[in-house]
Protein backbone atom coordinates (compact mmCIF):
# COMPACT_ATOMS: atom_id res chain seq x y z
CA MET A 1 -170.76 67.23 -60.84
CA ASN A 2 -168.27 65.57 -63.48
CA SER A 3 -166.07 63.26 -62.26
CA GLY A 4 -163.46 63.54 -65.66
CA VAL A 5 -164.63 60.27 -67.49
CA GLU A 6 -167.13 60.31 -69.90
CA GLN A 7 -170.24 58.02 -70.84
CA GLU A 8 -170.08 56.16 -73.76
CA LYS A 9 -172.60 57.39 -75.96
CA THR A 10 -173.89 54.31 -78.42
CA GLY A 11 -176.57 56.62 -80.20
CA VAL A 12 -179.57 55.15 -78.56
CA PRO A 13 -182.02 57.10 -76.35
CA GLY A 14 -181.32 55.99 -72.88
CA GLY A 15 -177.39 54.45 -74.22
CA LYS A 16 -178.49 51.29 -74.54
CA ARG A 17 -178.06 48.99 -77.86
CA LYS A 18 -181.00 47.98 -79.75
CA LYS A 19 -181.31 44.28 -79.09
CA ILE A 20 -182.15 42.30 -82.28
CA PRO A 21 -184.70 39.93 -81.90
CA LYS A 22 -183.51 36.12 -81.93
CA LEU A 23 -186.24 34.78 -84.76
CA TYR A 24 -184.15 37.00 -86.83
CA LEU A 25 -181.06 35.61 -85.76
CA ILE A 26 -182.13 32.50 -86.38
CA VAL A 27 -183.40 32.31 -89.75
CA GLY A 28 -180.51 34.74 -91.05
CA LEU A 29 -178.23 31.83 -89.80
CA PHE A 30 -180.59 29.30 -92.03
CA ILE A 31 -180.49 31.48 -94.66
CA GLY A 32 -176.58 31.60 -94.31
CA LEU A 33 -176.45 27.80 -93.97
CA PHE A 34 -178.80 27.28 -97.28
CA ALA A 35 -177.20 29.54 -99.17
CA ILE A 36 -173.46 27.70 -98.31
CA LEU A 37 -174.78 24.10 -98.85
CA ILE A 38 -176.11 25.69 -102.42
CA ILE A 39 -172.58 26.53 -103.27
CA GLY A 40 -171.03 23.67 -101.53
CA VAL A 41 -173.49 21.46 -103.85
CA GLN A 42 -172.37 23.52 -106.86
CA GLY A 43 -168.98 23.36 -106.04
CA VAL A 44 -169.72 19.36 -105.69
CA HIS A 45 -171.04 19.30 -109.35
CA ALA A 46 -168.24 21.67 -110.93
CA LEU A 47 -166.12 19.89 -110.08
CA THR A 48 -167.05 16.09 -110.27
CA LYS A 49 -169.52 16.79 -113.72
CA ASP A 50 -166.52 15.69 -115.99
CA SER A 51 -165.91 12.24 -116.87
CA SER A 52 -162.42 12.09 -116.35
CA TYR A 53 -163.02 13.24 -112.76
CA CYS A 54 -164.17 9.67 -111.90
CA VAL A 55 -160.71 8.35 -113.49
CA SER A 56 -159.19 9.68 -110.92
CA CYS A 57 -159.35 6.93 -109.03
CA HIS A 58 -156.89 3.95 -110.37
CA VAL A 59 -159.57 1.61 -109.87
CA MET A 60 -161.63 2.99 -112.77
CA GLU A 61 -159.06 3.59 -114.81
CA PRO A 62 -160.31 0.13 -117.22
CA VAL A 63 -164.38 1.22 -116.89
CA TYR A 64 -163.45 4.14 -118.33
CA GLY A 65 -161.34 3.37 -120.73
CA THR A 66 -163.61 0.94 -122.05
CA TRP A 67 -166.23 4.00 -121.81
CA SER A 68 -164.04 6.32 -123.77
CA HIS A 69 -163.90 4.16 -126.82
CA SER A 70 -167.45 4.03 -126.50
CA SER A 71 -170.25 5.06 -128.86
CA HIS A 72 -171.85 7.08 -125.53
CA ARG A 73 -168.17 8.64 -125.22
CA GLU A 74 -169.78 11.69 -127.13
CA ILE A 75 -172.94 12.02 -125.83
CA ALA A 76 -173.57 10.14 -122.08
CA GLY A 77 -170.43 10.36 -119.54
CA CYS A 78 -170.29 8.66 -115.86
CA ASN A 79 -173.09 11.15 -114.51
CA ASP A 80 -175.77 10.80 -117.29
CA CYS A 81 -175.69 6.79 -116.50
CA HIS A 82 -175.41 6.16 -112.97
CA THR A 83 -176.72 8.85 -111.37
CA ASP A 84 -180.25 9.47 -110.04
CA GLN A 85 -181.77 12.26 -113.17
CA THR A 86 -185.23 13.00 -111.40
CA ASN A 87 -184.32 16.08 -110.53
CA TYR A 88 -181.38 18.63 -109.21
CA VAL A 89 -181.83 17.31 -105.42
CA THR A 90 -182.29 13.40 -106.12
CA LYS A 91 -179.08 14.00 -108.94
CA SER A 92 -177.03 15.70 -106.14
CA TYR A 93 -178.34 12.91 -103.13
CA THR A 94 -176.65 9.83 -105.46
CA LYS A 95 -173.72 11.55 -106.48
CA ILE A 96 -173.06 12.60 -102.85
CA THR A 97 -173.49 9.00 -101.62
CA ALA A 98 -171.89 7.25 -104.62
CA GLY A 99 -169.03 9.85 -104.01
CA VAL A 100 -168.95 9.51 -100.08
CA GLN A 101 -168.75 5.16 -100.56
CA HIS A 102 -165.84 5.31 -102.96
CA LEU A 103 -163.55 7.62 -101.22
CA TYR A 104 -164.52 5.00 -97.81
CA HIS A 105 -163.46 1.89 -100.64
CA ASN A 106 -160.47 3.74 -101.81
CA THR A 107 -159.41 5.32 -98.32
CA PHE A 108 -159.65 1.58 -96.49
CA SER A 109 -158.58 -0.22 -99.52
CA ASP A 110 -161.37 -2.07 -99.37
CA LEU A 111 -161.87 -2.35 -103.55
CA PRO A 112 -162.71 -5.26 -104.83
CA ASP A 113 -160.40 -7.64 -107.81
CA SER A 114 -163.18 -6.47 -110.40
CA ILE A 115 -165.68 -3.74 -109.98
CA ARG A 116 -169.37 -4.09 -110.44
CA ILE A 117 -172.80 -2.25 -110.33
CA LYS A 118 -174.06 -2.65 -106.91
CA ASP A 119 -177.66 -4.39 -107.12
CA GLY A 120 -179.33 -1.13 -105.59
CA SER A 121 -178.05 0.76 -108.42
CA THR A 122 -179.21 -1.17 -112.00
CA GLU A 123 -182.36 -0.27 -112.05
CA LEU A 124 -181.17 3.32 -111.50
CA VAL A 125 -178.79 2.57 -114.43
CA GLN A 126 -182.13 0.97 -115.96
CA ASN A 127 -183.99 4.26 -115.56
CA ASN A 128 -181.63 5.98 -117.41
CA CYS A 129 -181.32 4.14 -120.19
CA LEU A 130 -184.54 3.97 -121.21
CA ARG A 131 -184.76 8.11 -120.43
CA CYS A 132 -182.30 8.62 -123.35
CA HIS A 133 -183.41 5.91 -125.64
CA GLU A 134 -187.57 5.99 -124.76
CA ASP A 135 -187.88 6.82 -128.71
CA VAL A 136 -186.66 3.50 -129.61
CA VAL A 137 -187.89 1.87 -126.79
CA ARG A 138 -191.53 3.21 -126.44
CA ASN A 139 -193.33 0.24 -128.63
CA VAL A 140 -191.05 -2.47 -127.16
CA ASN A 141 -192.77 -4.78 -124.81
CA MET A 142 -189.93 -5.33 -123.09
CA ASP A 143 -190.05 -8.82 -120.06
CA SER A 144 -190.20 -6.41 -116.99
CA SER A 145 -187.93 -8.34 -114.94
CA ARG A 146 -184.83 -8.14 -117.23
CA ARG A 147 -182.40 -4.94 -117.95
CA CYS A 148 -181.48 -3.23 -121.00
CA PHE A 149 -177.99 -4.09 -120.26
CA ASP A 150 -178.86 -8.11 -119.63
CA CYS A 151 -178.59 -8.03 -123.73
CA HIS A 152 -176.30 -5.10 -124.23
CA ARG A 153 -174.26 -5.98 -121.38
CA TYR A 154 -170.67 -4.30 -123.46
CA THR A 155 -172.36 -1.00 -124.09
CA PRO A 156 -170.94 1.27 -123.19
CA HIS A 157 -167.77 -0.33 -121.12
CA SER A 158 -166.95 -3.16 -124.44
CA ASN A 159 -165.83 -6.39 -122.65
CA TYR A 160 -164.58 -5.02 -119.79
CA ARG A 161 -165.00 -8.09 -116.91
């Protein structure tokens, strides 16, 4: 007896759909999110790698101006000195956290009259100075409490105060 209504066939014996185990769904979701994260981070790196990006905030114009007339302009940009160059993860982390802080201060007009390096960033910049100039300072017996920019205060930002 046929009631005139045909049963929908799914192509699976018994007419039931095959279920995908939850583990596969969870793993697939994590792989997808990881791929999106990597693409996003790469996009941020590509967008912000050039020092001209930093001057997109007008408060950075004096700092950018002094750097652009320095001897460093051809060999080291903002990110070379002001982000952790240890590895990709630390560079991404310092770039993102600094970017969020800059966004906050620019959005809420919580800007200082004069831009100064934060105390927590002095060690990072010091390490980057030593990384680039290790051949010059290899045999120098520096006092560990001193920083390169204690003596080279206006490198690469000339007379910016």
